[in-house]
Amino acid sequence: EGYSGTVIQELNERGGEMTDLRTGDDGTVRLEYKIPSRGLIGLRTQMLTATAGEAVMAHRFSEYKPWKGPIPGRNNGVLLAKDKQ
């Protein structure tokens, strides 16, 4: 339950639409989303990082839909500096 807000935010940023949300007696949360296939690229790593390894994911193709807009790119990068003396 503690990670559900972070997971929901990440899925919404990738163009996902929540179809179901269930909370179990043991404190687990089950989220069902419809998300573009291209939104799944890199999602597993993000979810495992955001949930400290607690996330379990499964996915399958549902249907073709119109383009839903851009998907955000990577947040991290590289800084190079060179000092010439």
N, C-alpha and C. Protein backbone atom coordinates (compact mmCIF):
# COMPACT_ATOMS: atom_id res chain seq x y z
N GLU A 1 0.81 -1.20 0.00
CA GLU A 1 0.00 0.00 0.00
C GLU A 1 0.85 1.26 0.00
N GLY A 2 2.02 1.18 0.61
CA GLY A 2 2.87 2.35 0.72
C GLY A 2 3.43 2.84 -0.60
N TYR A 3 3.49 1.97 -1.59
CA TYR A 3 4.07 2.33 -2.88
C TYR A 3 3.02 2.61 -3.95
N SER A 4 1.76 2.43 -3.65
CA SER A 4 0.73 2.52 -4.69
C SER A 4 0.65 3.91 -5.32
N GLY A 5 0.85 4.96 -4.56
CA GLY A 5 0.82 6.32 -5.11
C GLY A 5 1.90 6.53 -6.15
N THR A 6 3.11 6.05 -5.86
CA THR A 6 4.23 6.18 -6.79
C THR A 6 3.97 5.38 -8.05
N VAL A 7 3.43 4.18 -7.91
CA VAL A 7 3.15 3.32 -9.05
C VAL A 7 2.06 3.94 -9.92
N ILE A 8 1.01 4.44 -9.32
CA ILE A 8 -0.09 5.06 -10.06
C ILE A 8 0.42 6.26 -10.85
N GLN A 9 1.26 7.08 -10.23
CA GLN A 9 1.81 8.25 -10.91
C GLN A 9 2.65 7.83 -12.12
N GLU A 10 3.49 6.84 -11.95
CA GLU A 10 4.34 6.38 -13.05
C GLU A 10 3.51 5.83 -14.21
N LEU A 11 2.49 5.05 -13.90
CA LEU A 11 1.64 4.49 -14.95
C LEU A 11 0.84 5.56 -15.67
N ASN A 12 0.35 6.55 -14.94
CA ASN A 12 -0.39 7.65 -15.57
C ASN A 12 0.49 8.47 -16.49
N GLU A 13 1.74 8.68 -16.12
CA GLU A 13 2.68 9.43 -16.96
C GLU A 13 2.96 8.69 -18.27
N ARG A 14 2.83 7.38 -18.26
CA ARG A 14 3.10 6.58 -19.45
C ARG A 14 1.85 6.32 -20.27
N GLY A 15 0.78 7.03 -19.99
CA GLY A 15 -0.43 6.94 -20.79
C GLY A 15 -1.39 5.85 -20.35
N GLY A 16 -1.23 5.34 -19.13
CA GLY A 16 -2.09 4.27 -18.65
C GLY A 16 -3.44 4.77 -18.15
N GLU A 17 -4.45 3.91 -18.26
CA GLU A 17 -5.78 4.19 -17.74
C GLU A 17 -6.13 3.09 -16.74
N MET A 18 -6.41 3.46 -15.49
CA MET A 18 -6.73 2.48 -14.47
C MET A 18 -8.11 1.88 -14.74
N THR A 19 -8.18 0.54 -14.72
CA THR A 19 -9.46 -0.14 -14.92
C THR A 19 -9.95 -0.81 -13.64
N ASP A 20 -9.05 -1.09 -12.69
CA ASP A 20 -9.45 -1.75 -11.45
C ASP A 20 -8.41 -1.51 -10.37
N LEU A 21 -8.87 -1.40 -9.13
CA LEU A 21 -7.99 -1.25 -7.97
C LEU A 21 -8.58 -2.08 -6.85
N ARG A 22 -7.80 -3.03 -6.33
CA ARG A 22 -8.26 -3.89 -5.24
C ARG A 22 -7.20 -3.91 -4.15
N THR A 23 -7.65 -3.84 -2.91
CA THR A 23 -6.75 -3.93 -1.76
C THR A 23 -7.02 -5.24 -1.04
N GLY A 24 -5.96 -6.01 -0.81
CA GLY A 24 -6.10 -7.29 -0.14
C GLY A 24 -6.01 -7.13 1.37
N ASP A 25 -6.42 -8.18 2.08
CA ASP A 25 -6.36 -8.18 3.55
C ASP A 25 -4.94 -8.17 4.08
N ASP A 26 -4.01 -8.61 3.26
CA ASP A 26 -2.61 -8.69 3.68
C ASP A 26 -1.83 -7.42 3.37
N GLY A 27 -2.51 -6.34 2.95
CA GLY A 27 -1.85 -5.08 2.68
C GLY A 27 -1.36 -4.91 1.25
N THR A 28 -1.64 -5.88 0.40
CA THR A 28 -1.24 -5.76 -1.00
C THR A 28 -2.29 -4.99 -1.78
N VAL A 29 -1.85 -4.36 -2.85
CA VAL A 29 -2.74 -3.61 -3.73
C VAL A 29 -2.59 -4.17 -5.13
N ARG A 30 -3.72 -4.45 -5.78
CA ARG A 30 -3.72 -4.94 -7.16
C ARG A 30 -4.27 -3.83 -8.04
N LEU A 31 -3.44 -3.38 -8.99
CA LEU A 31 -3.82 -2.34 -9.93
C LEU A 31 -3.93 -2.95 -11.31
N GLU A 32 -5.02 -2.68 -12.00
CA GLU A 32 -5.16 -3.11 -13.38
C GLU A 32 -5.24 -1.86 -14.24
N TYR A 33 -4.42 -1.85 -15.29
CA TYR A 33 -4.31 -0.70 -16.18
C TYR A 33 -4.40 -1.14 -17.62
N LYS A 34 -4.85 -0.24 -18.47
CA LYS A 34 -4.67 -0.36 -19.91
C LYS A 34 -3.62 0.69 -20.25
N ILE A 35 -2.53 0.24 -20.84
CA ILE A 35 -1.40 1.12 -21.11
C ILE A 35 -0.84 0.77 -22.49
N PRO A 36 -0.39 1.77 -23.26
CA PRO A 36 0.19 1.47 -24.58
C PRO A 36 1.42 0.58 -24.44
N SER A 37 1.64 -0.26 -25.43
CA SER A 37 2.80 -1.17 -25.40
C SER A 37 4.10 -0.40 -25.24
N ARG A 38 4.22 0.73 -25.90
CA ARG A 38 5.46 1.51 -25.79
C ARG A 38 5.63 2.10 -24.41
N GLY A 39 4.56 2.19 -23.63
CA GLY A 39 4.66 2.64 -22.24
C GLY A 39 5.24 1.58 -21.32
N LEU A 40 5.27 0.34 -21.78
CA LEU A 40 5.82 -0.76 -20.98
C LEU A 40 7.35 -0.83 -21.05
N ILE A 41 7.93 -0.21 -22.08
CA ILE A 41 9.39 -0.27 -22.25
C ILE A 41 10.06 0.45 -21.09
N GLY A 42 10.86 -0.28 -20.34
CA GLY A 42 11.56 0.27 -19.19
C GLY A 42 10.72 0.36 -17.92
N LEU A 43 9.46 -0.04 -17.99
CA LEU A 43 8.57 0.10 -16.83
C LEU A 43 8.94 -0.86 -15.70
N ARG A 44 9.33 -2.07 -16.03
CA ARG A 44 9.64 -3.06 -15.00
C ARG A 44 10.76 -2.57 -14.09
N THR A 45 11.81 -2.05 -14.68
CA THR A 45 12.93 -1.54 -13.88
C THR A 45 12.49 -0.39 -13.00
N GLN A 46 11.69 0.54 -13.55
CA GLN A 46 11.18 1.67 -12.77
C GLN A 46 10.33 1.20 -11.61
N MET A 47 9.48 0.20 -11.85
CA MET A 47 8.60 -0.30 -10.79
C MET A 47 9.39 -0.98 -9.68
N LEU A 48 10.36 -1.79 -10.05
CA LEU A 48 11.16 -2.47 -9.04
C LEU A 48 11.96 -1.47 -8.21
N THR A 49 12.46 -0.44 -8.85
CA THR A 49 13.20 0.60 -8.13
C THR A 49 12.26 1.37 -7.20
N ALA A 50 11.10 1.76 -7.69
CA ALA A 50 10.16 2.57 -6.92
C ALA A 50 9.54 1.81 -5.76
N THR A 51 9.43 0.49 -5.89
CA THR A 51 8.77 -0.30 -4.84
C THR A 51 9.75 -1.15 -4.03
N ALA A 52 11.01 -0.87 -4.13
CA ALA A 52 12.06 -1.61 -3.42
C ALA A 52 11.97 -3.11 -3.70
N GLY A 53 11.67 -3.47 -4.95
CA GLY A 53 11.62 -4.86 -5.36
C GLY A 53 10.34 -5.59 -5.04
N GLU A 54 9.33 -4.90 -4.56
CA GLU A 54 8.08 -5.55 -4.16
C GLU A 54 7.08 -5.73 -5.30
N ALA A 55 7.25 -5.04 -6.42
CA ALA A 55 6.26 -5.08 -7.50
C ALA A 55 6.30 -6.41 -8.24
N VAL A 56 5.11 -6.85 -8.65
CA VAL A 56 4.97 -8.02 -9.52
C VAL A 56 4.14 -7.54 -10.70
N MET A 57 4.64 -7.77 -11.92
CA MET A 57 3.96 -7.29 -13.12
C MET A 57 3.62 -8.44 -14.06
N ALA A 58 2.50 -8.31 -14.72
CA ALA A 58 2.12 -9.21 -15.80
C ALA A 58 1.40 -8.36 -16.84
N HIS A 59 1.56 -8.70 -18.13
CA HIS A 59 0.89 -7.91 -19.16
C HIS A 59 0.54 -8.79 -20.34
N ARG A 60 -0.46 -8.34 -21.10
CA ARG A 60 -0.86 -9.01 -22.32
C ARG A 60 -1.50 -7.99 -23.25
N PHE A 61 -1.47 -8.29 -24.54
CA PHE A 61 -2.02 -7.38 -25.53
C PHE A 61 -3.54 -7.41 -25.47
N SER A 62 -4.16 -6.23 -25.50
CA SER A 62 -5.62 -6.13 -25.43
C SER A 62 -6.21 -5.75 -26.78
N GLU A 63 -5.79 -4.59 -27.31
CA GLU A 63 -6.35 -4.11 -28.57
C GLU A 63 -5.50 -2.98 -29.12
N TYR A 64 -5.71 -2.67 -30.39
CA TYR A 64 -5.07 -1.50 -31.00
C TYR A 64 -5.91 -0.28 -30.66
N LYS A 65 -5.24 0.83 -30.34
CA LYS A 65 -5.92 2.08 -30.04
C LYS A 65 -5.17 3.23 -30.70
N PRO A 66 -5.81 4.40 -30.83
CA PRO A 66 -5.12 5.56 -31.38
C PRO A 66 -3.96 6.00 -30.48
N TRP A 67 -3.04 6.73 -31.07
CA TRP A 67 -1.87 7.26 -30.36
C TRP A 67 -2.30 8.13 -29.20
N LYS A 68 -1.69 7.95 -28.01
CA LYS A 68 -2.10 8.67 -26.81
C LYS A 68 -1.16 9.80 -26.41
N GLY A 69 -0.23 10.15 -27.26
CA GLY A 69 0.68 11.24 -26.94
C GLY A 69 2.06 10.73 -26.57
N PRO A 70 2.97 11.65 -26.31
CA PRO A 70 4.35 11.27 -26.03
C PRO A 70 4.50 10.58 -24.68
N ILE A 71 5.50 9.71 -24.60
CA ILE A 71 5.87 9.02 -23.37
C ILE A 71 7.16 9.68 -22.89
N PRO A 72 7.25 10.04 -21.59
CA PRO A 72 8.48 10.70 -21.12
C PRO A 72 9.71 9.82 -21.29
N GLY A 73 10.83 10.46 -21.56
CA GLY A 73 12.09 9.74 -21.73
C GLY A 73 12.79 9.51 -20.40
N ARG A 74 14.04 9.18 -20.49
CA ARG A 74 14.83 8.91 -19.29
C ARG A 74 15.04 10.19 -18.49
N ASN A 75 15.07 10.05 -17.18
CA ASN A 75 15.28 11.20 -16.30
C ASN A 75 16.75 11.41 -15.95
N ASN A 76 17.56 10.38 -16.05
CA ASN A 76 18.96 10.50 -15.68
C ASN A 76 19.85 10.61 -16.91
N GLY A 77 21.01 11.17 -16.73
CA GLY A 77 21.92 11.36 -17.84
C GLY A 77 23.36 11.42 -17.36
N VAL A 78 24.19 12.04 -18.14
CA VAL A 78 25.61 12.09 -17.85
C VAL A 78 26.08 13.55 -17.95
N LEU A 79 26.96 13.94 -17.05
CA LEU A 79 27.57 15.25 -17.10
C LEU A 79 29.07 15.06 -17.34
N LEU A 80 29.57 15.67 -18.40
CA LEU A 80 30.99 15.58 -18.72
C LEU A 80 31.62 16.95 -18.54
N ALA A 81 32.79 16.97 -17.94
CA ALA A 81 33.52 18.22 -17.77
C ALA A 81 35.00 17.97 -18.05
N LYS A 82 35.63 18.97 -18.64
CA LYS A 82 37.04 18.83 -18.93
C LYS A 82 37.70 20.16 -18.63
N ASP A 83 38.73 20.12 -17.88
CA ASP A 83 39.47 21.32 -17.52
C ASP A 83 40.83 21.25 -18.22
N LYS A 84 41.11 22.22 -19.07
CA LYS A 84 42.37 22.22 -19.80
C LYS A 84 43.31 23.15 -19.08
N GLN A 85 44.46 22.63 -18.71
CA GLN A 85 45.45 23.45 -17.99
C GLN A 85 46.68 23.67 -18.78
